[in-house]
Amino acid sequence: MKHSIMKKTKAVPPVDPPSLAERIRLEMDSFTPSEKRAAHLLLSHYPFAGLDTVAEFASRAGISAPSVLRFVTRLGFSGFPDFQRHLRGELEAQLLPPLAKASPMDKGQGAPALASFAEAVIGNLRATVENIAPAEFDAVVALLSDPRRNIHFTGGRFTGALARYAESHFRIVRSGVDFIEGQPALWRDRMIEIGKKDVIVAFDIRRYQQDVTALCETAAKQGATIVLLTDPWLSPIARVARHVLPAHIVAPSNWDSSTGLLLITESLVAAVTKRLWETAKPRMEAVERLRNEKP
């Protein structure tokens, strides 16, 4: 008798709510001009910009202190202290290392079973889809489909594997695709080639890597467009990224889950392949012919 994971698990584990940064990005179009200034400032140095005083935040955003307070209220907080408590909580979550999470041996937890872990991952997938604006995803697809652009993938210690996975697919679908190692000694010489026609697609999740951030900041200064795949708390790369696609990553484990990032990656591959089909199909056929050649 066959049983599915979904049928065995009755209770769906709660999914972490979207981060404040995710909410702001989704609601940006509905903000007033003053609220948009406050939102852009907060997202440009998230979450640290929101930890200043009201007066400092208002001055940097170029709006009045009452406008800042109205913005905070619009986001659902009772006041600026409540807003800052929330940001400090998110900052703690950003910096949380694997060993700081609950031990798998803690009473009542035990090693997560396949079914419960799968339910958590499925929840992450749903939350990832719900908290990415369709227009943002479509804009990234259009960018990666532009044959005039060179696409460079990069990532960190764990996310680098996802970046390479993406690069391997896009290389077959279109030309002008490569991978840049995140270590400064390996990417600094590459920067001489990076300019306005280049797109950097960076993968970076919490415990963000400074070398990958430095790579993206340098590329952005030279005119490259940055696309960031990250977590709900947003890598510092978000400060220079034109497009941000956040994935939910929390799982019943000491390790974060990359399944949401993989969903975004494979969705981008599928959408770009469809968009470039007239040129992608001959490339894919040529690759198959080369693979079938006898040595």
Protein backbone atom coordinates (compact mmCIF):
# COMPACT_ATOMS: atom_id res chain seq x y z
CA MET A 1 0.00 0.00 0.00
CA LYS A 2 1.43 3.38 -1.02
CA HIS A 3 1.38 6.39 1.26
CA SER A 4 2.33 9.92 0.30
CA ILE A 5 4.26 12.25 2.58
CA MET A 6 1.49 14.79 2.29
CA LYS A 7 -1.20 12.34 3.47
CA LYS A 8 0.79 11.12 6.44
CA THR A 9 1.36 14.59 7.85
CA LYS A 10 -1.82 16.14 9.15
CA ALA A 11 -0.49 19.33 10.70
CA VAL A 12 1.32 21.82 8.51
CA PRO A 13 4.15 23.49 10.46
CA PRO A 14 3.97 27.27 10.69
CA VAL A 15 5.96 29.20 8.11
CA ASP A 16 7.98 32.22 9.16
CA PRO A 17 6.13 35.40 8.18
CA PRO A 18 7.73 37.55 5.48
CA SER A 19 10.45 39.87 6.68
CA LEU A 20 9.74 43.58 6.91
CA ALA A 21 11.99 44.10 3.89
CA GLU A 22 9.88 41.68 1.84
CA ARG A 23 6.68 43.45 2.86
CA ILE A 24 8.09 46.86 1.97
CA ARG A 25 9.19 45.70 -1.49
CA LEU A 26 5.77 44.20 -2.17
CA GLU A 27 3.89 47.31 -0.99
CA MET A 28 6.26 49.93 -2.47
CA ASP A 29 3.89 50.97 -5.27
CA SER A 30 1.17 51.85 -2.77
CA PHE A 31 3.36 54.19 -0.67
CA THR A 32 3.17 57.97 -0.74
CA PRO A 33 6.27 59.88 -1.99
CA SER A 34 7.45 60.44 1.58
CA GLU A 35 6.89 56.81 2.49
CA LYS A 36 8.85 55.72 -0.58
CA ARG A 37 11.80 57.88 0.51
CA ALA A 38 11.71 56.27 3.93
CA ALA A 39 11.38 52.80 2.39
CA HIS A 40 14.28 53.30 -0.01
CA LEU A 41 16.53 54.52 2.79
CA LEU A 42 15.63 51.57 4.99
CA LEU A 43 16.17 49.02 2.21
CA SER A 44 19.47 50.62 1.14
CA HIS A 45 21.03 49.88 4.55
CA TYR A 46 18.68 47.23 5.93
CA PRO A 47 18.06 46.95 8.85
CA PHE A 48 20.68 49.34 10.26
CA ALA A 49 19.17 52.53 8.81
CA GLY A 50 16.07 51.95 10.94
CA LEU A 51 18.11 51.76 14.14
CA ASP A 52 18.94 55.50 14.08
CA THR A 53 16.85 58.02 15.98
CA VAL A 54 13.72 59.36 14.36
CA ALA A 55 15.45 62.67 13.68
CA GLU A 56 18.49 61.00 12.08
CA PHE A 57 16.33 58.72 9.95
CA ALA A 58 14.18 61.65 8.81
CA SER A 59 17.24 63.75 7.93
CA ARG A 60 18.82 60.96 5.87
CA ALA A 61 15.55 60.24 4.06
CA GLY A 62 14.92 63.92 3.38
CA ILE A 63 11.50 63.91 5.03
CA SER A 64 10.02 65.19 8.30
CA ALA A 65 9.99 63.31 11.59
CA PRO A 66 6.16 63.07 11.55
CA SER A 67 6.41 61.50 8.07
CA VAL A 68 8.75 58.85 9.48
CA LEU A 69 6.29 58.08 12.27
CA ARG A 70 3.42 57.83 9.78
CA PHE A 71 5.53 55.43 7.69
CA VAL A 72 6.20 53.26 10.73
CA THR A 73 2.51 53.24 11.62
CA ARG A 74 1.66 52.35 8.01
CA LEU A 75 3.85 49.26 8.44
CA GLY A 76 1.74 48.17 11.41
CA PHE A 77 3.91 49.22 14.36
CA SER A 78 2.62 51.05 17.41
CA GLY A 79 5.55 53.45 17.33
CA PHE A 80 9.23 53.88 16.53
CA PRO A 81 10.45 51.80 19.54
CA ASP A 82 8.22 48.91 18.42
CA PHE A 83 9.59 49.28 14.88
CA GLN A 84 13.18 49.16 16.15
CA ARG A 85 12.52 46.13 18.37
CA HIS A 86 11.33 44.30 15.27
CA LEU A 87 14.45 45.29 13.31
CA ARG A 88 16.75 44.17 16.13
CA GLY A 89 14.97 40.81 16.16
CA GLU A 90 15.53 40.43 12.42
CA LEU A 91 19.18 41.42 12.83
CA GLU A 92 19.64 38.67 15.40
CA ALA A 93 18.04 36.20 12.97
CA GLN A 94 20.42 37.35 10.21
CA LEU A 95 23.48 36.57 12.30
CA LEU A 96 22.25 33.26 13.72
CA PRO A 97 24.91 30.52 13.21
CA PRO A 98 23.98 26.82 12.93
CA LEU A 99 25.17 26.04 16.47
CA ALA A 100 22.97 28.79 17.91
CA LYS A 101 19.83 27.11 16.67
CA ALA A 102 18.01 24.54 18.78
CA SER A 103 20.01 21.37 19.16
CA PRO A 104 18.54 18.38 17.29
CA MET A 105 18.94 16.47 20.57
CA ASP A 106 16.81 18.94 22.58
CA LYS A 107 13.90 17.33 24.39
CA GLY A 108 10.79 17.00 22.29
CA GLN A 109 12.52 17.62 18.97
CA GLY A 110 14.74 14.76 17.89
CA ALA A 111 16.06 14.49 14.36
CA PRO A 112 13.36 15.79 11.98
CA ALA A 113 11.50 13.05 10.16
CA LEU A 114 11.27 13.15 6.39
CA ALA A 115 7.58 14.08 6.46
CA SER A 116 7.90 17.00 8.89
CA PHE A 117 10.98 18.33 7.13
CA ALA A 118 9.22 18.05 3.78
CA GLU A 119 6.23 20.00 5.11
CA ALA A 120 8.54 22.78 6.29
CA VAL A 121 10.22 22.92 2.89
CA ILE A 122 6.85 22.96 1.11
CA GLY A 123 5.84 25.87 3.35
CA ASN A 124 9.04 27.67 2.39
CA LEU A 125 8.27 27.17 -1.30
CA ARG A 126 4.77 28.61 -0.89
CA ALA A 127 6.05 31.59 1.10
CA THR A 128 8.82 32.22 -1.43
CA VAL A 129 6.34 32.38 -4.30
CA GLU A 130 3.87 34.54 -2.36
CA ASN A 131 6.50 37.09 -1.35
CA ILE A 132 8.12 37.69 -4.73
CA ALA A 133 6.39 40.33 -6.80
CA PRO A 134 5.58 38.90 -10.25
CA ALA A 135 6.81 42.12 -11.87
CA GLU A 136 10.19 41.73 -10.16
CA PHE A 137 10.55 38.14 -11.34
CA ASP A 138 9.52 39.08 -14.89
CA ALA A 139 12.05 41.92 -14.92
CA VAL A 140 14.84 39.49 -14.03
CA VAL A 141 13.70 37.10 -16.77
CA ALA A 142 13.81 39.93 -19.32
CA LEU A 143 17.27 40.95 -18.14
CA LEU A 144 18.69 37.41 -18.33
CA SER A 145 17.11 36.95 -21.76
CA ASP A 146 18.79 40.01 -23.26
CA PRO A 147 21.45 38.72 -25.70
CA ARG A 148 23.33 42.02 -25.43
CA ARG A 149 24.09 41.28 -21.77
CA ASN A 150 26.87 39.12 -20.34
CA ILE A 151 25.68 37.10 -17.34
CA HIS A 152 28.06 36.28 -14.47
CA PHE A 153 26.98 34.01 -11.60
CA THR A 154 28.61 34.03 -8.17
CA GLY A 155 27.91 32.80 -4.65
CA GLY A 156 29.31 31.99 -1.26
CA ARG A 157 30.51 28.92 0.61
CA PHE A 158 27.26 26.97 0.19
CA THR A 159 25.35 29.12 -2.30
CA GLY A 160 28.20 28.96 -4.79
CA ALA A 161 27.01 25.46 -5.71
CA LEU A 162 23.60 26.90 -6.64
CA ALA A 163 25.27 29.63 -8.68
CA ARG A 164 27.25 27.01 -10.59
CA TYR A 165 24.07 24.99 -11.12
CA ALA A 166 22.41 28.05 -12.63
CA GLU A 167 25.44 28.86 -14.77
CA SER A 168 25.54 25.32 -16.16
CA HIS A 169 21.95 25.64 -17.41
CA PHE A 170 22.15 29.18 -18.74
CA ARG A 171 25.37 28.41 -20.61
CA ILE A 172 23.43 25.91 -22.75
CA VAL A 173 20.48 28.23 -23.35
CA ARG A 174 22.43 31.37 -24.32
CA SER A 175 25.91 32.76 -24.91
CA GLY A 176 27.85 35.17 -22.72
CA VAL A 177 27.48 33.21 -19.49
CA ASP A 178 30.16 32.39 -16.91
CA PHE A 179 30.92 31.91 -13.21
CA ILE A 180 33.03 34.21 -11.02
CA GLU A 181 34.67 32.78 -7.91
CA GLY A 182 33.79 34.77 -4.81
CA GLN A 183 37.29 34.97 -3.32
CA PRO A 184 38.85 38.43 -3.87
CA ALA A 185 42.12 36.99 -5.18
CA LEU A 186 40.16 35.27 -7.96
CA TRP A 187 37.69 38.00 -8.96
CA ARG A 188 39.61 41.28 -8.74
CA ASP A 189 41.38 40.74 -12.07
CA ARG A 190 38.02 39.94 -13.69
CA MET A 191 36.64 43.37 -12.81
CA ILE A 192 38.58 44.98 -15.66
CA GLU A 193 36.08 43.28 -18.01
CA ILE A 194 32.91 44.23 -16.12
CA GLY A 195 30.82 47.17 -17.29
CA LYS A 196 27.35 48.39 -18.19
CA LYS A 197 26.55 45.40 -20.40
CA ASP A 198 27.18 42.94 -17.58
CA VAL A 199 24.78 41.35 -15.11
CA ILE A 200 26.00 39.80 -11.85
CA VAL A 201 23.62 37.18 -10.44
CA ALA A 202 24.65 36.70 -6.81
CA PHE A 203 23.47 34.04 -4.36
CA ASP A 204 23.95 35.04 -0.72
CA ILE A 205 22.04 34.02 2.43
CA ARG A 206 22.48 34.78 6.11
CA ARG A 207 25.94 34.86 7.63
CA TYR A 208 26.50 36.77 4.43
CA GLN A 209 29.95 36.66 2.88
CA GLN A 210 31.85 39.92 2.78
CA ASP A 211 33.91 38.88 -0.25
CA VAL A 212 30.78 38.28 -2.36
CA THR A 213 29.37 41.63 -1.18
CA ALA A 214 32.63 43.35 -2.15
CA LEU A 215 32.51 41.71 -5.59
CA CYS A 216 29.00 43.01 -6.22
CA GLU A 217 29.75 46.48 -4.88
CA THR A 218 32.79 46.76 -7.14
CA ALA A 219 30.84 45.52 -10.17
CA ALA A 220 27.99 47.95 -9.43
CA LYS A 221 30.44 50.87 -9.30
CA GLN A 222 31.56 49.90 -12.80
CA GLY A 223 28.01 50.00 -14.08
CA ALA A 224 27.01 46.32 -13.89
CA THR A 225 23.43 45.38 -12.99
CA ILE A 226 23.17 43.26 -9.85
CA VAL A 227 20.52 40.57 -9.37
CA LEU A 228 20.39 39.13 -5.85
CA LEU A 229 18.94 35.80 -4.72
CA THR A 230 18.90 35.93 -0.94
CA ASP A 231 16.86 35.25 2.19
CA PRO A 232 14.00 37.26 3.75
CA TRP A 233 16.42 39.39 5.81
CA LEU A 234 18.34 40.49 2.69
CA SER A 235 22.07 40.22 2.11
CA PRO A 236 23.99 43.52 2.26
CA ILE A 237 24.27 43.13 -1.51
CA ALA A 238 20.67 44.42 -1.61
CA ARG A 239 22.13 47.93 -1.21
CA VAL A 240 23.50 47.79 -4.77
CA ALA A 241 21.09 45.27 -6.34
CA ARG A 242 18.59 46.42 -8.94
CA HIS A 243 16.52 43.27 -8.47
CA VAL A 244 16.10 41.17 -5.32
CA LEU A 245 14.46 37.72 -5.20
CA PRO A 246 14.21 36.50 -1.58
CA ALA A 247 13.62 32.86 -0.66
CA HIS A 248 12.43 31.47 2.67
CA ILE A 249 15.12 29.26 4.15
CA VAL A 250 14.19 28.31 7.74
CA ALA A 251 13.86 24.57 8.35
CA PRO A 252 13.60 22.22 11.40
CA SER A 253 17.36 21.77 11.34
CA ASN A 254 20.60 23.42 12.38
CA TRP A 255 21.02 24.19 8.69
CA ASP A 256 19.04 26.55 6.50
CA SER A 257 17.26 25.09 3.49
CA SER A 258 18.25 26.14 -0.05
CA THR A 259 15.15 24.66 -1.67
CA GLY A 260 13.51 28.07 -2.11
CA LEU A 261 16.61 29.37 -3.89
CA LEU A 262 16.56 26.31 -6.12
CA LEU A 263 12.91 26.97 -6.94
CA ILE A 264 13.72 30.51 -8.04
CA THR A 265 16.75 29.30 -10.03
CA GLU A 266 14.88 26.61 -11.92
CA SER A 267 11.93 28.93 -12.54
CA LEU A 268 14.31 31.48 -14.08
CA VAL A 269 15.92 28.79 -16.24
CA ALA A 270 12.50 27.63 -17.46
CA ALA A 271 11.24 31.16 -18.17
CA VAL A 272 14.39 32.28 -19.98
CA THR A 273 14.50 29.06 -22.04
CA LYS A 274 10.90 29.66 -23.13
CA ARG A 275 11.58 33.29 -23.95
CA LEU A 276 14.70 32.48 -26.00
CA TRP A 277 13.34 29.27 -27.54
CA GLU A 278 14.03 30.24 -31.16
CA THR A 279 17.75 30.58 -30.41
CA ALA A 280 17.91 28.25 -27.40
CA LYS A 281 16.61 25.22 -29.26
CA PRO A 282 19.41 25.20 -31.89
CA ARG A 283 21.99 25.63 -29.12
CA MET A 284 20.55 22.74 -27.15
CA GLU A 285 20.48 20.58 -30.29
CA ALA A 286 24.10 21.47 -31.03
CA VAL A 287 25.12 20.53 -27.50
CA GLU A 288 23.39 17.16 -27.86
CA ARG A 289 25.18 16.49 -31.16
CA LEU A 290 28.54 17.26 -29.57
CA ARG A 291 27.79 14.98 -26.65
CA ASN A 292 26.88 12.15 -28.96
CA GLU A 293 30.07 12.38 -30.95
CA LYS A 294 32.39 9.42 -30.53
CA PRO A 295 35.83 10.20 -29.09
